[in-house]
Amino acid sequence: MKIADKLLEKGASESEREIVQFGVERLITLLIGLAVAITAGLILHELPRTLLLLFVLFPLRQYAGGFHLKGKYICAVLSVLVLIGLILIIKYLTIPRIISMGAFLLGSLAIVFLAPVGNLNRPLDEDEKRVFGNRAKAVWLIETLAFFILWFIDQPYWNIILLVSVVLTGLLVTIGYIQQKLHIGEKAEHV
């Protein structure tokens, strides 16, 4: 029996049941994604860097927002594939220092000037924009300080993790921003 159904039996309202059901589904999806990413990290002998990637990517992505697919299951599958791709990048790609700096700055610009960005599934109200924006920038600032420290002491082995976190988040924020603007334009045309 589902957890949400048990709550309904105990007198929870239908809306409370739906919220709990949504939360449980999200938790299960997250745990499956984490298990797959950790398994990939183990198989590729990159578990410490995989764990650090998850640690720096998830909070930044959560608060910055950006592009999401409409279907939650296709989004979950694509997210897992992207995580595996990032682990492969971390393991096999060597990025020249000047290019890593430029890419980091480009991703940072999107985060600083556009985040947070809601999406079609989850638009943000003004209070959420302020709160999530402050949190996204705080996480970004911590990651930026760590990036520059590692960059200056020439530690590309660890620095690439912060690089892919900021670049991916900046890219998804930019795509989400464009998607949002196009969708708003579509709404205006149909009025």
Protein backbone atom coordinates (compact mmCIF):
# COMPACT_ATOMS: atom_id res chain seq x y z
CA MET A 1 0.00 0.00 0.00
CA LYS A 2 1.25 3.47 -0.82
CA ILE A 3 2.33 5.81 1.95
CA ALA A 4 -0.04 8.48 0.66
CA ASP A 5 -2.98 6.02 0.81
CA LYS A 6 -2.12 5.19 4.44
CA LEU A 7 -2.25 8.91 5.25
CA LEU A 8 -5.63 9.22 3.60
CA GLU A 9 -6.90 6.37 5.80
CA LYS A 10 -5.72 8.31 8.85
CA GLY A 11 -7.79 11.35 7.91
CA ALA A 12 -5.44 13.38 5.72
CA SER A 13 -7.15 15.42 3.03
CA GLU A 14 -6.88 14.55 -0.64
CA SER A 15 -4.63 17.57 -1.27
CA GLU A 16 -2.31 16.49 1.57
CA ARG A 17 -2.26 12.99 0.09
CA GLU A 18 -1.27 14.37 -3.32
CA ILE A 19 1.54 16.43 -1.80
CA VAL A 20 2.88 13.42 0.11
CA GLN A 21 2.56 11.20 -2.97
CA PHE A 22 4.50 13.78 -5.04
CA GLY A 23 7.21 13.99 -2.38
CA VAL A 24 7.56 10.22 -2.11
CA GLU A 25 7.79 9.88 -5.91
CA ARG A 26 10.44 12.60 -6.04
CA LEU A 27 12.41 10.95 -3.24
CA ILE A 28 12.34 7.55 -4.95
CA THR A 29 13.42 9.12 -8.26
CA LEU A 30 16.24 10.99 -6.51
CA LEU A 31 17.44 7.87 -4.70
CA ILE A 32 17.46 5.84 -7.93
CA GLY A 33 19.42 8.61 -9.68
CA LEU A 34 21.90 8.78 -6.81
CA ALA A 35 22.32 5.01 -6.81
CA VAL A 36 23.00 4.98 -10.56
CA ALA A 37 25.47 7.88 -10.31
CA ILE A 38 27.30 6.28 -7.38
CA THR A 39 27.38 2.94 -9.22
CA ALA A 40 28.82 4.69 -12.29
CA GLY A 41 31.40 6.39 -10.05
CA LEU A 42 32.37 3.02 -8.59
CA ILE A 43 32.60 1.32 -11.99
CA LEU A 44 34.73 4.17 -13.38
CA HIS A 45 36.87 4.29 -10.20
CA GLU A 46 35.75 7.88 -9.61
CA LEU A 47 33.67 7.56 -6.45
CA PRO A 48 35.27 10.44 -4.46
CA ARG A 49 34.93 12.86 -7.36
CA THR A 50 31.42 11.58 -8.15
CA LEU A 51 30.33 12.25 -4.57
CA LEU A 52 31.87 15.72 -4.69
CA LEU A 53 30.12 16.38 -8.01
CA LEU A 54 26.76 15.45 -6.50
CA PHE A 55 27.55 17.58 -3.45
CA VAL A 56 28.30 20.73 -5.49
CA LEU A 57 25.87 20.24 -8.39
CA PHE A 58 22.63 19.44 -6.56
CA PRO A 59 22.34 22.56 -4.37
CA LEU A 60 23.40 24.90 -7.17
CA ARG A 61 21.00 23.33 -9.64
CA GLN A 62 18.19 23.20 -7.09
CA TYR A 63 18.35 26.91 -6.29
CA ALA A 64 19.30 28.23 -9.74
CA GLY A 65 16.53 26.31 -11.51
CA GLY A 66 16.37 26.37 -15.26
CA PHE A 67 15.40 23.94 -17.96
CA HIS A 68 13.40 20.81 -17.12
CA LEU A 69 11.58 18.43 -19.39
CA LYS A 70 7.80 18.19 -19.03
CA GLY A 71 7.65 14.52 -18.08
CA LYS A 72 9.16 13.69 -14.70
CA TYR A 73 10.32 10.21 -15.75
CA ILE A 74 12.01 11.31 -18.97
CA CYS A 75 13.59 14.14 -16.99
CA ALA A 76 14.87 11.63 -14.41
CA VAL A 77 16.32 9.35 -17.10
CA LEU A 78 17.98 12.27 -18.90
CA SER A 79 19.35 13.59 -15.59
CA VAL A 80 20.96 10.22 -14.86
CA LEU A 81 22.46 10.12 -18.36
CA VAL A 82 23.82 13.65 -17.90
CA LEU A 83 25.34 12.67 -14.54
CA ILE A 84 27.04 9.68 -16.14
CA GLY A 85 28.27 11.96 -18.93
CA LEU A 86 29.67 14.38 -16.35
CA ILE A 87 31.48 11.56 -14.57
CA LEU A 88 33.01 10.53 -17.90
CA ILE A 89 34.04 14.14 -18.58
CA ILE A 90 35.62 14.39 -15.13
CA LYS A 91 37.51 11.16 -15.68
CA TYR A 92 38.71 11.55 -19.26
CA LEU A 93 38.70 15.22 -20.27
CA THR A 94 41.65 17.51 -19.70
CA ILE A 95 40.75 21.16 -20.15
CA PRO A 96 43.44 23.82 -20.60
CA ARG A 97 43.50 26.28 -17.71
CA ILE A 98 42.55 29.34 -19.76
CA ILE A 99 39.60 27.53 -21.34
CA SER A 100 38.41 26.29 -17.95
CA MET A 101 38.53 29.86 -16.64
CA GLY A 102 36.57 31.18 -19.63
CA ALA A 103 33.94 28.43 -19.42
CA PHE A 104 33.58 28.94 -15.67
CA LEU A 105 33.05 32.68 -16.16
CA LEU A 106 30.42 32.10 -18.87
CA GLY A 107 28.49 29.68 -16.67
CA SER A 108 28.82 32.12 -13.79
CA LEU A 109 27.36 35.00 -15.81
CA ALA A 110 24.20 33.02 -16.47
CA ILE A 111 23.85 32.07 -12.81
CA VAL A 112 24.53 35.56 -11.47
CA PHE A 113 22.30 37.45 -13.93
CA LEU A 114 19.50 34.97 -14.69
CA ALA A 115 19.07 32.67 -11.69
CA PRO A 116 16.72 31.61 -10.42
CA VAL A 117 14.72 30.53 -13.42
CA GLY A 118 11.44 28.72 -13.01
CA ASN A 119 10.18 26.38 -15.67
CA LEU A 120 6.89 25.48 -17.28
CA ASN A 121 6.31 22.79 -14.64
CA ARG A 122 7.32 25.01 -11.73
CA PRO A 123 7.00 28.77 -12.20
CA LEU A 124 8.37 30.94 -9.40
CA ASP A 125 6.56 33.76 -7.63
CA GLU A 126 8.41 36.92 -6.59
CA ASP A 127 9.21 35.70 -3.06
CA GLU A 128 10.60 32.41 -4.40
CA LYS A 129 12.69 34.29 -6.96
CA ARG A 130 14.22 36.39 -4.19
CA VAL A 131 14.87 33.49 -1.79
CA PHE A 132 16.11 31.02 -4.41
CA GLY A 133 18.15 33.74 -6.10
CA ASN A 134 19.95 34.57 -2.86
CA ARG A 135 20.59 30.90 -2.16
CA ALA A 136 21.80 30.20 -5.70
CA LYS A 137 24.21 33.09 -5.50
CA ALA A 138 25.47 32.01 -2.06
CA VAL A 139 26.15 28.46 -3.31
CA TRP A 140 27.71 29.88 -6.49
CA LEU A 141 29.95 32.19 -4.44
CA ILE A 142 31.25 29.29 -2.31
CA GLU A 143 31.88 27.20 -5.43
CA THR A 144 33.57 30.16 -7.13
CA LEU A 145 35.94 30.67 -4.21
CA ALA A 146 36.80 26.96 -4.25
CA PHE A 147 37.25 27.05 -8.05
CA PHE A 148 39.67 29.98 -7.92
CA ILE A 149 41.67 28.48 -5.05
CA LEU A 150 42.01 25.19 -6.93
CA TRP A 151 42.73 27.03 -10.19
CA PHE A 152 45.50 29.14 -8.65
CA ILE A 153 47.17 26.17 -6.96
CA ASP A 154 46.82 24.22 -10.24
CA GLN A 155 44.59 21.35 -9.13
CA PRO A 156 42.65 20.43 -12.30
CA TYR A 157 41.90 16.95 -10.89
CA TRP A 158 39.43 18.51 -8.41
CA ASN A 159 38.76 21.79 -10.16
CA ILE A 160 36.97 20.17 -13.11
CA ILE A 161 34.15 19.16 -10.74
CA LEU A 162 33.36 22.77 -9.92
CA LEU A 163 33.77 23.68 -13.58
CA VAL A 164 31.20 21.15 -14.85
CA SER A 165 28.79 22.07 -12.03
CA VAL A 166 28.80 25.77 -12.89
CA VAL A 167 28.88 25.28 -16.67
CA LEU A 168 26.01 22.78 -16.69
CA THR A 169 23.92 24.90 -14.31
CA GLY A 170 24.64 28.05 -16.32
CA LEU A 171 23.63 26.27 -19.53
CA LEU A 172 20.39 24.93 -18.05
CA VAL A 173 19.55 28.32 -16.54
CA THR A 174 20.10 29.97 -19.93
CA ILE A 175 17.98 27.40 -21.79
CA GLY A 176 15.26 27.68 -19.14
CA TYR A 177 15.31 31.47 -19.38
CA ILE A 178 14.97 31.35 -23.17
CA GLN A 179 12.24 28.72 -22.93
CA GLN A 180 10.37 30.85 -20.40
CA LYS A 181 10.62 33.96 -22.61
CA LEU A 182 9.41 32.03 -25.67
CA HIS A 183 6.53 30.57 -23.70
CA ILE A 184 5.54 34.01 -22.38
CA GLY A 185 5.62 35.28 -25.98
CA GLU A 186 3.37 32.40 -27.05
CA LYS A 187 0.87 33.26 -24.30
CA ALA A 188 0.81 36.91 -25.40
CA GLU A 189 0.10 35.92 -29.01
CA HIS A 190 -2.85 33.75 -27.98
CA VAL A 191 -4.56 36.46 -25.91
